[in-house]
């Protein structure tokens, strides 16, 4: 992948999430000018900045590098559900509460995100 391809993909994901360049710069501890350089293919982020970009955008490294979200492995999900069922009830309830909180937060973030045109 070229710098230009990476920059275009980064900017596309940024727009999709609705985050302004200024806020992304603030969240990743880089300047707006640097980000614009990355978007145009003139600059490339360090590994540390790449990780910050992934976290700030809420995407996977795979999506940013390859343009594909990380695939969900249904077998792994099923395996984890079985593991939860085998836990003592109080621990299983705790994990379910954590999952409920995460899913609620994701749904609220989805509702706050600007709609795609």
PDB file of N, CA and C in Angstrom:
ATOM      1  N   UNK A   1       0.843  -1.174   0.000  1.00  0.00           N
ATOM      2  CA  UNK A   1       0.000   0.000   0.000  1.00  0.00           C
ATOM      3  C   UNK A   1       0.887   1.235   0.000  1.00  0.00           C
ATOM      4  N   UNK A   2       0.507   2.183  -0.809  1.00  0.00           N
ATOM      5  CA  UNK A   2       1.270   3.423  -0.879  1.00  0.00           C
ATOM      6  C   UNK A   2       0.817   4.381   0.222  1.00  0.00           C
ATOM      7  N   UNK A   3       1.614   5.407   0.434  1.00  0.00           N
ATOM      8  CA  UNK A   3       1.234   6.436   1.411  1.00  0.00           C
ATOM      9  C   UNK A   3      -0.075   7.101   0.999  1.00  0.00           C
ATOM     10  N   UNK A   4      -0.229   7.344  -0.293  1.00  0.00           N
ATOM     11  CA  UNK A   4      -1.445   7.998  -0.789  1.00  0.00           C
ATOM     12  C   UNK A   4      -2.677   7.128  -0.526  1.00  0.00           C
ATOM     13  N   UNK A   5      -2.552   5.823  -0.746  1.00  0.00           N
ATOM     14  CA  UNK A   5      -3.679   4.912  -0.491  1.00  0.00           C
ATOM     15  C   UNK A   5      -4.033   4.905   0.990  1.00  0.00           C
ATOM     16  N   UNK A   6      -2.998   4.848   1.829  1.00  0.00           N
ATOM     17  CA  UNK A   6      -3.231   4.862   3.273  1.00  0.00           C
ATOM     18  C   UNK A   6      -3.929   6.159   3.682  1.00  0.00           C
ATOM     19  N   UNK A   7      -3.434   7.276   3.164  1.00  0.00           N
ATOM     20  CA  UNK A   7      -4.009   8.572   3.502  1.00  0.00           C
ATOM     21  C   UNK A   7      -5.465   8.683   3.086  1.00  0.00           C
ATOM     22  N   UNK A   8      -5.785   8.210   1.894  1.00  0.00           N
ATOM     23  CA  UNK A   8      -7.173   8.235   1.429  1.00  0.00           C
ATOM     24  C   UNK A   8      -8.065   7.370   2.313  1.00  0.00           C
ATOM     25  N   UNK A   9      -7.568   6.197   2.673  1.00  0.00           N
ATOM     26  CA  UNK A   9      -8.353   5.295   3.521  1.00  0.00           C
ATOM     27  C   UNK A   9      -8.563   5.912   4.903  1.00  0.00           C
ATOM     28  N   UNK A  10      -7.520   6.501   5.457  1.00  0.00           N
ATOM     29  CA  UNK A  10      -7.627   7.141   6.765  1.00  0.00           C
ATOM     30  C   UNK A  10      -8.669   8.262   6.721  1.00  0.00           C
ATOM     31  N   UNK A  11      -8.601   9.094   5.708  1.00  0.00           N
ATOM     32  CA  UNK A  11      -9.533  10.211   5.592  1.00  0.00           C
ATOM     33  C   UNK A  11     -10.959   9.718   5.377  1.00  0.00           C
ATOM     34  N   UNK A  12     -11.123   8.651   4.612  1.00  0.00           N
ATOM     35  CA  UNK A  12     -12.450   8.080   4.381  1.00  0.00           C
ATOM     36  C   UNK A  12     -13.057   7.566   5.691  1.00  0.00           C
ATOM     37  N   UNK A  13     -12.254   6.872   6.479  1.00  0.00           N
ATOM     38  CA  UNK A  13     -12.735   6.359   7.769  1.00  0.00           C
ATOM     39  C   UNK A  13     -13.039   7.521   8.707  1.00  0.00           C
ATOM     40  N   UNK A  14     -12.190   8.550   8.683  1.00  0.00           N
ATOM     41  CA  UNK A  14     -12.435   9.727   9.521  1.00  0.00           C
ATOM     42  C   UNK A  14     -13.773  10.359   9.172  1.00  0.00           C
ATOM     43  N   UNK A  15     -14.040  10.521   7.888  1.00  0.00           N
ATOM     44  CA  UNK A  15     -15.307  11.117   7.463  1.00  0.00           C
ATOM     45  C   UNK A  15     -16.484  10.223   7.824  1.00  0.00           C
ATOM     46  N   UNK A  16     -16.314   8.931   7.667  1.00  0.00           N
ATOM     47  CA  UNK A  16     -17.373   7.966   7.986  1.00  0.00           C
ATOM     48  C   UNK A  16     -17.757   8.027   9.464  1.00  0.00           C
ATOM     49  N   UNK A  17     -16.768   8.225  10.320  1.00  0.00           N
ATOM     50  CA  UNK A  17     -17.042   8.302  11.757  1.00  0.00           C
ATOM     51  C   UNK A  17     -17.542   9.672  12.173  1.00  0.00           C
ATOM     52  N   UNK A  18     -17.382  10.661  11.281  1.00  0.00           N
ATOM     53  CA  UNK A  18     -17.880  12.005  11.580  1.00  0.00           C
ATOM     54  C   UNK A  18     -16.967  12.835  12.462  1.00  0.00           C
ATOM     55  N   UNK A  19     -15.738  12.395  12.645  1.00  0.00           N
ATOM     56  CA  UNK A  19     -14.805  13.141  13.501  1.00  0.00           C
ATOM     57  C   UNK A  19     -14.078  14.192  12.649  1.00  0.00           C
ATOM     58  N   UNK A  20     -14.015  15.392  13.146  1.00  0.00           N
ATOM     59  CA  UNK A  20     -13.332  16.474  12.437  1.00  0.00           C
ATOM     60  C   UNK A  20     -11.818  16.280  12.556  1.00  0.00           C
ATOM     61  N   UNK A  21     -11.108  16.772  11.556  1.00  0.00           N
ATOM     62  CA  UNK A  21      -9.651  16.638  11.535  1.00  0.00           C
ATOM     63  C   UNK A  21      -9.022  17.239  12.786  1.00  0.00           C
ATOM     64  N   UNK A  22      -9.539  18.375  13.229  1.00  0.00           N
ATOM     65  CA  UNK A  22      -8.985  19.040  14.410  1.00  0.00           C
ATOM     66  C   UNK A  22      -9.105  18.157  15.653  1.00  0.00           C
ATOM     67  N   UNK A  23     -10.257  17.500  15.805  1.00  0.00           N
ATOM     68  CA  UNK A  23     -10.465  16.631  16.966  1.00  0.00           C
ATOM     69  C   UNK A  23      -9.587  15.386  16.866  1.00  0.00           C
ATOM     70  N   UNK A  24      -9.458  14.838  15.669  1.00  0.00           N
ATOM     71  CA  UNK A  24      -8.598  13.672  15.487  1.00  0.00           C
ATOM     72  C   UNK A  24      -7.146  14.028  15.816  1.00  0.00           C
ATOM     73  N   UNK A  25      -6.717  15.196  15.398  1.00  0.00           N
ATOM     74  CA  UNK A  25      -5.357  15.649  15.714  1.00  0.00           C
ATOM     75  C   UNK A  25      -5.169  15.752  17.225  1.00  0.00           C
ATOM     76  N   UNK A  26      -6.166  16.318  17.887  1.00  0.00           N
ATOM     77  CA  UNK A  26      -6.090  16.471  19.344  1.00  0.00           C
ATOM     78  C   UNK A  26      -6.032  15.107  20.032  1.00  0.00           C
ATOM     79  N   UNK A  27      -6.866  14.175  19.586  1.00  0.00           N
ATOM     80  CA  UNK A  27      -6.919  12.852  20.217  1.00  0.00           C
ATOM     81  C   UNK A  27      -5.661  12.027  19.977  1.00  0.00           C
ATOM     82  N   UNK A  28      -4.946  12.331  18.909  1.00  0.00           N
ATOM     83  CA  UNK A  28      -3.760  11.544  18.573  1.00  0.00           C
ATOM     84  C   UNK A  28      -2.450  12.279  18.844  1.00  0.00           C
ATOM     85  N   UNK A  29      -2.544  13.463  19.425  1.00  0.00           N
ATOM     86  CA  UNK A  29      -1.352  14.241  19.787  1.00  0.00           C
ATOM     87  C   UNK A  29      -0.470  14.582  18.589  1.00  0.00           C
ATOM     88  N   UNK A  30      -1.109  14.903  17.453  1.00  0.00           N
ATOM     89  CA  UNK A  30      -0.368  15.372  16.284  1.00  0.00           C
ATOM     90  C   UNK A  30      -1.018  16.658  15.802  1.00  0.00           C
ATOM     91  N   UNK A  31      -0.375  17.332  14.882  1.00  0.00           N
ATOM     92  CA  UNK A  31      -0.932  18.585  14.373  1.00  0.00           C
ATOM     93  C   UNK A  31      -1.899  18.312  13.224  1.00  0.00           C
ATOM     94  N   UNK A  32      -2.772  19.273  12.977  1.00  0.00           N
ATOM     95  CA  UNK A  32      -3.688  19.195  11.838  1.00  0.00           C
ATOM     96  C   UNK A  32      -2.874  19.136  10.544  1.00  0.00           C
ATOM     97  N   UNK A  33      -1.797  19.910  10.491  1.00  0.00           N
ATOM     98  CA  UNK A  33      -0.933  19.900   9.316  1.00  0.00           C
ATOM     99  C   UNK A  33      -0.348  18.523   9.040  1.00  0.00           C
ATOM    100  N   UNK A  34       0.070  17.837  10.105  1.00  0.00           N
ATOM    101  CA  UNK A  34       0.602  16.485   9.937  1.00  0.00           C
ATOM    102  C   UNK A  34      -0.474  15.564   9.384  1.00  0.00           C
ATOM    103  N   UNK A  35      -1.679  15.619   9.965  1.00  0.00           N
ATOM    104  CA  UNK A  35      -2.764  14.767   9.472  1.00  0.00           C
ATOM    105  C   UNK A  35      -3.075  15.066   8.008  1.00  0.00           C
ATOM    106  N   UNK A  36      -3.102  16.338   7.650  1.00  0.00           N
ATOM    107  CA  UNK A  36      -3.348  16.683   6.255  1.00  0.00           C
ATOM    108  C   UNK A  36      -2.252  16.116   5.352  1.00  0.00           C
ATOM    109  N   UNK A  37      -1.025  16.098   5.866  1.00  0.00           N
ATOM    110  CA  UNK A  37       0.070  15.475   5.123  1.00  0.00           C
ATOM    111  C   UNK A  37      -0.133  13.980   4.953  1.00  0.00           C
ATOM    112  N   UNK A  38      -0.660  13.329   5.989  1.00  0.00           N
ATOM    113  CA  UNK A  38      -0.956  11.894   5.890  1.00  0.00           C
ATOM    114  C   UNK A  38      -2.088  11.677   4.886  1.00  0.00           C
ATOM    115  N   UNK A  39      -3.143  12.487   4.978  1.00  0.00           N
ATOM    116  CA  UNK A  39      -4.273  12.355   4.053  1.00  0.00           C
ATOM    117  C   UNK A  39      -3.822  12.482   2.601  1.00  0.00           C
ATOM    118  N   UNK A  40      -2.860  13.361   2.350  1.00  0.00           N
ATOM    119  CA  UNK A  40      -2.401  13.606   0.977  1.00  0.00           C
ATOM    120  C   UNK A  40      -1.290  12.659   0.543  1.00  0.00           C
ATOM    121  N   UNK A  41      -0.819  11.822   1.456  1.00  0.00           N
ATOM    122  CA  UNK A  41       0.239  10.871   1.110  1.00  0.00           C
ATOM    123  C   UNK A  41       1.639  11.426   1.247  1.00  0.00           C
ATOM    124  N   UNK A  42       1.786  12.597   1.830  1.00  0.00           N
ATOM    125  CA  UNK A  42       3.113  13.203   1.986  1.00  0.00           C
ATOM    126  C   UNK A  42       3.793  12.780   3.285  1.00  0.00           C
ATOM    127  N   UNK A  43       3.007  12.277   4.231  1.00  0.00           N
ATOM    128  CA  UNK A  43       3.565  11.858   5.526  1.00  0.00           C
ATOM    129  C   UNK A  43       2.963  10.509   5.892  1.00  0.00           C
ATOM    130  N   UNK A  44       3.611   9.847   6.833  1.00  0.00           N
ATOM    131  CA  UNK A  44       3.140   8.537   7.294  1.00  0.00           C
ATOM    132  C   UNK A  44       3.270   8.509   8.807  1.00  0.00           C
ATOM    133  N   UNK A  45       2.258   8.017   9.517  1.00  0.00           N
ATOM    134  CA  UNK A  45       2.328   8.036  10.983  1.00  0.00           C
ATOM    135  C   UNK A  45       3.301   7.000  11.539  1.00  0.00           C
ATOM    136  N   UNK A  46       3.823   7.304  12.707  1.00  0.00           N
ATOM    137  CA  UNK A  46       4.641   6.320  13.429  1.00  0.00           C
ATOM    138  C   UNK A  46       3.714   5.207  13.914  1.00  0.00           C
ATOM    139  N   UNK A  47       4.284   4.139  14.393  1.00  0.00           N
ATOM    140  CA  UNK A  47       3.476   3.045  14.936  1.00  0.00           C
ATOM    141  C   UNK A  47       2.642   3.561  16.109  1.00  0.00           C
ATOM    142  N   UNK A  48       3.241   4.365  16.960  1.00  0.00           N
ATOM    143  CA  UNK A  48       2.529   4.917  18.113  1.00  0.00           C
ATOM    144  C   UNK A  48       1.325   5.759  17.663  1.00  0.00           C
ATOM    145  N   UNK A  49       1.524   6.598  16.668  1.00  0.00           N
ATOM    146  CA  UNK A  49       0.432   7.427  16.158  1.00  0.00           C
ATOM    147  C   UNK A  49      -0.605   6.578  15.445  1.00  0.00           C
ATOM    148  N   UNK A  50      -0.162   5.539  14.740  1.00  0.00           N
ATOM    149  CA  UNK A  50      -1.096   4.624  14.076  1.00  0.00           C
ATOM    150  C   UNK A  50      -2.046   4.004  15.098  1.00  0.00           C
ATOM    151  N   UNK A  51      -1.509   3.541  16.207  1.00  0.00           N
ATOM    152  CA  UNK A  51      -2.340   2.943  17.263  1.00  0.00           C
ATOM    153  C   UNK A  51      -3.328   3.978  17.801  1.00  0.00           C
ATOM    154  N   UNK A  52      -2.870   5.192  17.995  1.00  0.00           N
ATOM    155  CA  UNK A  52      -3.754   6.261  18.472  1.00  0.00           C
ATOM    156  C   UNK A  52      -4.853   6.548  17.454  1.00  0.00           C
ATOM    157  N   UNK A  53      -4.520   6.506  16.165  1.00  0.00           N
ATOM    158  CA  UNK A  53      -5.520   6.730  15.117  1.00  0.00           C
ATOM    159  C   UNK A  53      -6.594   5.639  15.153  1.00  0.00           C
ATOM    160  N   UNK A  54      -6.163   4.398  15.264  1.00  0.00           N
ATOM    161  CA  UNK A  54      -7.107   3.277  15.334  1.00  0.00           C
ATOM    162  C   UNK A  54      -8.040   3.453  16.527  1.00  0.00           C
ATOM    163  N   UNK A  55      -7.478   3.785  17.674  1.00  0.00           N
ATOM    164  CA  UNK A  55      -8.289   3.960  18.880  1.00  0.00           C
ATOM    165  C   UNK A  55      -9.229   5.155  18.763  1.00  0.00           C
ATOM    166  N   UNK A  56      -8.739   6.260  18.231  1.00  0.00           N
ATOM    167  CA  UNK A  56      -9.554   7.470  18.114  1.00  0.00           C
ATOM    168  C   UNK A  56     -10.707   7.282  17.128  1.00  0.00           C
ATOM    169  N   UNK A  57     -10.461   6.511  16.067  1.00  0.00           N
ATOM    170  CA  UNK A  57     -11.486   6.309  15.042  1.00  0.00           C
ATOM    171  C   UNK A  57     -12.402   5.129  15.352  1.00  0.00           C
ATOM    172  N   UNK A  58     -11.996   4.305  16.319  1.00  0.00           N
ATOM    173  CA  UNK A  58     -12.823   3.154  16.675  1.00  0.00           C
ATOM    174  C   UNK A  58     -12.884   2.114  15.572  1.00  0.00           C
ATOM    175  N   UNK A  59     -11.817   2.023  14.799  1.00  0.00           N
ATOM    176  CA  UNK A  59     -11.769   1.024  13.729  1.00  0.00           C
ATOM    177  C   UNK A  59     -10.703  -0.008  14.079  1.00  0.00           C
ATOM    178  N   UNK A  60     -10.603  -1.030  13.266  1.00  0.00           N
ATOM    179  CA  UNK A  60      -9.538  -2.006  13.487  1.00  0.00           C
ATOM    180  C   UNK A  60      -8.319  -1.616  12.659  1.00  0.00           C
ATOM    181  N   UNK A  61      -7.165  -2.102  13.070  1.00  0.00           N
ATOM    182  CA  UNK A  61      -5.950  -1.879  12.286  1.00  0.00           C
ATOM    183  C   UNK A  61      -6.126  -2.494  10.904  1.00  0.00           C
ATOM    184  N   UNK A  62      -6.801  -3.628  10.844  1.00  0.00           N
ATOM    185  CA  UNK A  62      -7.062  -4.298   9.577  1.00  0.00           C
ATOM    186  C   UNK A  62      -7.866  -3.407   8.633  1.00  0.00           C
ATOM    187  N   UNK A  63      -8.867  -2.731   9.169  1.00  0.00           N
ATOM    188  CA  UNK A  63      -9.691  -1.843   8.344  1.00  0.00           C
ATOM    189  C   UNK A  63      -8.858  -0.677   7.810  1.00  0.00           C
ATOM    190  N   UNK A  64      -8.000  -0.148   8.639  1.00  0.00           N
ATOM    191  CA  UNK A  64      -7.181   0.992   8.222  1.00  0.00           C
ATOM    192  C   UNK A  64      -6.109   0.574   7.215  1.00  0.00           C
ATOM    193  N   UNK A  65      -5.543  -0.593   7.389  1.00  0.00           N
ATOM    194  CA  UNK A  65      -4.485  -1.049   6.497  1.00  0.00           C
ATOM    195  C   UNK A  65      -4.999  -1.713   5.226  1.00  0.00           C
ATOM    196  N   UNK A  66      -6.075  -2.481   5.365  1.00  0.00           N
ATOM    197  CA  UNK A  66      -6.549  -3.264   4.224  1.00  0.00           C
ATOM    198  C   UNK A  66      -7.901  -2.823   3.687  1.00  0.00           C
ATOM    199  N   UNK A  67      -8.579  -1.938   4.432  1.00  0.00           N
ATOM    200  CA  UNK A  67      -9.886  -1.490   3.982  1.00  0.00           C
ATOM    201  C   UNK A  67     -11.008  -2.451   4.315  1.00  0.00           C
ATOM    202  N   UNK A  68     -10.717  -3.443   5.140  1.00  0.00           N
ATOM    203  CA  UNK A  68     -11.716  -4.443   5.511  1.00  0.00           C
ATOM    204  C   UNK A  68     -11.820  -4.508   7.026  1.00  0.00           C
ATOM    205  N   UNK A  69     -13.050  -4.456   7.552  1.00  0.00           N
ATOM    206  CA  UNK A  69     -13.179  -4.642   9.000  1.00  0.00           C
ATOM    207  C   UNK A  69     -12.705  -6.045   9.375  1.00  0.00           C
ATOM    208  N   UNK A  70     -12.259  -6.178  10.598  1.00  0.00           N
ATOM    209  CA  UNK A  70     -11.822  -7.481  11.058  1.00  0.00           C
ATOM    210  C   UNK A  70     -13.017  -8.420  11.061  1.00  0.00           C
ATOM    211  N   UNK A  71     -12.903  -9.570  10.422  1.00  0.00           N
ATOM    212  CA  UNK A  71     -14.064 -10.465  10.345  1.00  0.00           C
ATOM    213  C   UNK A  71     -14.429 -11.031  11.713  1.00  0.00           C
ATOM    214  N   UNK A  72     -15.720 -11.207  11.913  1.00  0.00           N
ATOM    215  CA  UNK A  72     -16.196 -11.801  13.156  1.00  0.00           C
ATOM    216  C   UNK A  72     -16.182 -13.312  12.983  1.00  0.00           C
ATOM    217  N   UNK A  73     -15.493 -13.963  13.851  1.00  0.00           N
ATOM    218  CA  UNK A  73     -15.405 -15.414  13.822  1.00  0.00           C
ATOM    219  C   UNK A  73     -16.529 -15.961  14.693  1.00  0.00           C
ATOM    220  N   UNK A  74     -17.581 -16.459  14.049  1.00  0.00           N
ATOM    221  CA  UNK A  74     -18.754 -16.925  14.802  1.00  0.00           C
ATOM    222  C   UNK A  74     -18.418 -18.094  15.710  1.00  0.00           C
ATOM    223  N   UNK A  75     -17.466 -18.921  15.308  1.00  0.00           N
ATOM    224  CA  UNK A  75     -17.066 -20.045  16.154  1.00  0.00           C
ATOM    225  C   UNK A  75     -16.464 -19.528  17.456  1.00  0.00           C
ATOM    226  N   UNK A  76     -15.657 -18.477  17.369  1.00  0.00           N
ATOM    227  CA  UNK A  76     -15.053 -17.895  18.566  1.00  0.00           C
ATOM    228  C   UNK A  76     -16.120 -17.286  19.466  1.00  0.00           C
ATOM    229  N   UNK A  77     -17.114 -16.636  18.863  1.00  0.00           N
ATOM    230  CA  UNK A  77     -18.208 -16.062  19.656  1.00  0.00           C
ATOM    231  C   UNK A  77     -18.959 -17.166  20.374  1.00  0.00           C
ATOM    232  N   UNK A  78     -19.307 -18.229  19.653  1.00  0.00           N
ATOM    233  CA  UNK A  78     -20.020 -19.351  20.267  1.00  0.00           C
ATOM    234  C   UNK A  78     -19.213 -19.969  21.399  1.00  0.00           C
ATOM    235  N   UNK A  79     -17.915 -20.103  21.185  1.00  0.00           N
ATOM    236  CA  UNK A  79     -17.036 -20.680  22.204  1.00  0.00           C
ATOM    237  C   UNK A  79     -17.041 -19.824  23.470  1.00  0.00           C
ATOM    238  N   UNK A  80     -17.004 -18.513  23.288  1.00  0.00           N
ATOM    239  CA  UNK A  80     -17.016 -17.616  24.448  1.00  0.00           C
ATOM    240  C   UNK A  80     -18.346 -17.691  25.188  1.00  0.00           C
ATOM    241  N   UNK A  81     -19.441 -17.799  24.440  1.00  0.00           N
ATOM    242  CA  UNK A  81     -20.750 -17.910  25.085  1.00  0.00           C
ATOM    243  C   UNK A  81     -20.840 -19.185  25.918  1.00  0.00           C
ATOM    244  N   UNK A  82     -20.304 -20.265  25.382  1.00  0.00           N
ATOM    245  CA  UNK A  82     -20.291 -21.517  26.144  1.00  0.00           C
ATOM    246  C   UNK A  82     -19.451 -21.374  27.409  1.00  0.00           C
ATOM    247  N   UNK A  83     -18.335 -20.680  27.303  1.00  0.00           N
ATOM    248  CA  UNK A  83     -17.480 -20.461  28.475  1.00  0.00           C
ATOM    249  C   UNK A  83     -18.211 -19.665  29.548  1.00  0.00           C
ATOM    250  N   UNK A  84     -18.992 -18.673  29.134  1.00  0.00           N
ATOM    251  CA  UNK A  84     -19.754 -17.872  30.095  1.00  0.00           C
ATOM    252  C   UNK A  84     -20.782 -18.738  30.798  1.00  0.00           C
ATOM    253  N   UNK A  85     -21.430 -19.619  30.054  1.00  0.00           N
ATOM    254  CA  UNK A  85     -22.454 -20.509  30.646  1.00  0.00           C
ATOM    255  C   UNK A  85     -21.868 -21.437  31.697  1.00  0.00           C
ATOM    256  N   UNK A  86     -20.586 -21.747  31.574  1.00  0.00           N
ATOM    257  CA  UNK A  86     -19.944 -22.677  32.504  1.00  0.00           C
ATOM    258  C   UNK A  86     -19.452 -21.997  33.786  1.00  0.00           C
ATOM    259  N   UNK A  87     -19.513 -20.683  33.827  1.00  0.00           N
ATOM    260  CA  UNK A  87     -19.069 -19.944  35.008  1.00  0.00           C
ATOM    261  C   UNK A  87     -20.113 -20.023  36.117  1.00  0.00           C
ATOM    262  N   UNK A  88     -19.681 -19.771  37.347  1.00  0.00           N
ATOM    263  CA  UNK A  88     -20.662 -19.652  38.433  1.00  0.00           C
ATOM    264  C   UNK A  88     -21.633 -18.509  38.108  1.00  0.00           C
ATOM    265  N   UNK A  89     -22.883 -18.625  38.516  1.00  0.00           N
ATOM    266  CA  UNK A  89     -23.906 -17.634  38.144  1.00  0.00           C
ATOM    267  C   UNK A  89     -23.526 -16.185  38.428  1.00  0.00           C
ATOM    268  N   UNK A  90     -22.874 -15.904  39.561  1.00  0.00           N
ATOM    269  CA  UNK A  90     -22.530 -14.510  39.870  1.00  0.00           C
ATOM    270  C   UNK A  90     -21.500 -13.955  38.882  1.00  0.00           C
ATOM    271  N   UNK A  91     -20.549 -14.782  38.477  1.00  0.00           N
ATOM    272  CA  UNK A  91     -19.551 -14.328  37.500  1.00  0.00           C
ATOM    273  C   UNK A  91     -20.166 -14.183  36.107  1.00  0.00           C
ATOM    274  N   UNK A  92     -21.016 -15.108  35.729  1.00  0.00           N
ATOM    275  CA  UNK A  92     -21.686 -15.020  34.431  1.00  0.00           C
ATOM    276  C   UNK A  92     -22.556 -13.761  34.378  1.00  0.00           C
ATOM    277  N   UNK A  93     -23.245 -13.465  35.472  1.00  0.00           N
ATOM    278  CA  UNK A  93     -24.087 -12.264  35.539  1.00  0.00           C
ATOM    279  C   UNK A  93     -23.221 -11.006  35.391  1.00  0.00           C
ATOM    280  N   UNK A  94     -22.053 -11.000  36.029  1.00  0.00           N
ATOM    281  CA  UNK A  94     -21.140  -9.863  35.934  1.00  0.00           C
ATOM    282  C   UNK A  94     -20.695  -9.651  34.475  1.00  0.00           C
ATOM    283  N   UNK A  95     -20.308 -10.709  33.803  1.00  0.00           N
ATOM    284  CA  UNK A  95     -19.881 -10.605  32.405  1.00  0.00           C
ATOM    285  C   UNK A  95     -21.040 -10.117  31.535  1.00  0.00           C
ATOM    286  N   UNK A  96     -22.230 -10.623  31.773  1.00  0.00           N
ATOM    287  CA  UNK A  96     -23.400 -10.174  31.003  1.00  0.00           C
ATOM    288  C   UNK A  96     -23.672  -8.689  31.241  1.00  0.00           C
ATOM    289  N   UNK A  97     -23.498  -8.226  32.466  1.00  0.00           N
ATOM    290  CA  UNK A  97     -23.678  -6.801  32.755  1.00  0.00           C
ATOM    291  C   UNK A  97     -22.655  -5.954  32.005  1.00  0.00           C
ATOM    292  N   UNK A  98     -21.416  -6.418  31.971  1.00  0.00           N
ATOM    293  CA  UNK A  98     -20.366  -5.697  31.236  1.00  0.00           C
ATOM    294  C   UNK A  98     -20.703  -5.664  29.744  1.00  0.00           C
ATOM    295  N   UNK A  99     -21.113  -6.802  29.196  1.00  0.00           N
ATOM    296  CA  UNK A  99     -21.487  -6.848  27.781  1.00  0.00           C
ATOM    297  C   UNK A  99     -22.670  -5.935  27.488  1.00  0.00           C
ATOM    298  N   UNK A 100     -23.661  -5.924  28.368  1.00  0.00           N
ATOM    299  CA  UNK A 100     -24.817  -5.033  28.194  1.00  0.00           C
ATOM    300  C   UNK A 100     -24.369  -3.574  28.150  1.00  0.00           C
ATOM    301  N   UNK A 101     -23.459  -3.215  29.031  1.00  0.00           N
ATOM    302  CA  UNK A 101     -22.949  -1.840  29.072  1.00  0.00           C
ATOM    303  C   UNK A 101     -22.231  -1.494  27.770  1.00  0.00           C
ATOM    304  N   UNK A 102     -21.391  -2.396  27.290  1.00  0.00           N
ATOM    305  CA  UNK A 102     -20.654  -2.164  26.047  1.00  0.00           C
ATOM    306  C   UNK A 102     -21.621  -2.031  24.871  1.00  0.00           C
ATOM    307  N   UNK A 103     -22.585  -2.928  24.778  1.00  0.00           N
ATOM    308  CA  UNK A 103     -23.539  -2.883  23.666  1.00  0.00           C
ATOM    309  C   UNK A 103     -24.397  -1.622  23.706  1.00  0.00           C
ATOM    310  N   UNK A 104     -24.794  -1.204  24.900  1.00  0.00           N
ATOM    311  CA  UNK A 104     -25.569   0.033  25.041  1.00  0.00           C
ATOM    312  C   UNK A 104     -24.731   1.227  24.601  1.00  0.00           C
ATOM    313  N   UNK A 105     -23.479   1.256  25.024  1.00  0.00           N
ATOM    314  CA  UNK A 105     -22.585   2.350  24.641  1.00  0.00           C
ATOM    315  C   UNK A 105     -22.392   2.390  23.121  1.00  0.00           C
ATOM    316  N   UNK A 106     -22.207   1.230  22.504  1.00  0.00           N
ATOM    317  CA  UNK A 106     -22.047   1.176  21.047  1.00  0.00           C
ATOM    318  C   UNK A 106     -23.303   1.655  20.331  1.00  0.00           C
ATOM    319  N   UNK A 107     -24.462   1.274  20.833  1.00  0.00           N
ATOM    320  CA  UNK A 107     -25.724   1.697  20.217  1.00  0.00           C
ATOM    321  C   UNK A 107     -25.911   3.205  20.353  1.00  0.00           C
ATOM    322  N   UNK A 108     -25.564   3.752  21.508  1.00  0.00           N
ATOM    323  CA  UNK A 108     -25.678   5.200  21.709  1.00  0.00           C
ATOM    324  C   UNK A 108     -24.713   5.950  20.807  1.00  0.00           C
ATOM    325  N   UNK A 109     -23.503   5.423  20.638  1.00  0.00           N
ATOM    326  CA  UNK A 109     -22.527   6.058  19.746  1.00  0.00           C
ATOM    327  C   UNK A 109     -23.031   6.025  18.307  1.00  0.00           C
ATOM    328  N   UNK A 110     -23.660   4.934  17.931  1.00  0.00           N
ATOM    329  CA  UNK A 110     -24.213   4.806  16.586  1.00  0.00           C
ATOM    330  C   UNK A 110     -25.324   5.833  16.361  1.00  0.00           C
ATOM    331  N   UNK A 111     -26.150   6.054  17.366  1.00  0.00           N
ATOM    332  CA  UNK A 111     -27.234   7.027  17.260  1.00  0.00           C
ATOM    333  C   UNK A 111     -26.709   8.455  17.171  1.00  0.00           C
ATOM    334  N   UNK A 112     -25.568   8.721  17.853  1.00  0.00           N
ATOM    335  CA  UNK A 112     -24.988  10.073  17.831  1.00  0.00           C
ATOM    336  C   UNK A 112     -24.224  10.359  16.552  1.00  0.00           C
ATOM    337  N   UNK A 113     -23.761   9.309  15.872  1.00  0.00           N
ATOM    338  CA  UNK A 113     -22.956   9.479  14.667  1.00  0.00           C
ATOM    339  C   UNK A 113     -23.818  10.090  13.566  1.00  0.00           C
ATOM    340  N   UNK A 114     -23.213  10.990  12.784  1.00  0.00           N
ATOM    341  CA  UNK A 114     -23.966  11.578  11.676  1.00  0.00           C
ATOM    342  C   UNK A 114     -24.318  10.503  10.652  1.00  0.00           C
ATOM    343  N   UNK A 115     -25.475  10.614  10.064  1.00  0.00           N
ATOM    344  CA  UNK A 115     -25.892   9.618   9.084  1.00  0.00           C
ATOM    345  C   UNK A 115     -25.068   9.775   7.818  1.00  0.00           C
ATOM    346  N   UNK A 116     -24.839   8.627   7.147  1.00  0.00           N
ATOM    347  CA  UNK A 116     -24.080   8.652   5.901  1.00  0.00           C
ATOM    348  C   UNK A 116     -24.986   9.120   4.776  1.00  0.00           C
ATOM    349  N   UNK A 117     -24.432   9.865   3.855  1.00  0.00           N
ATOM    350  CA  UNK A 117     -25.202  10.357   2.717  1.00  0.00           C
ATOM    351  C   UNK A 117     -24.873   9.596   1.474  1.00  0.00           C
TER     352      UNK A 117
END
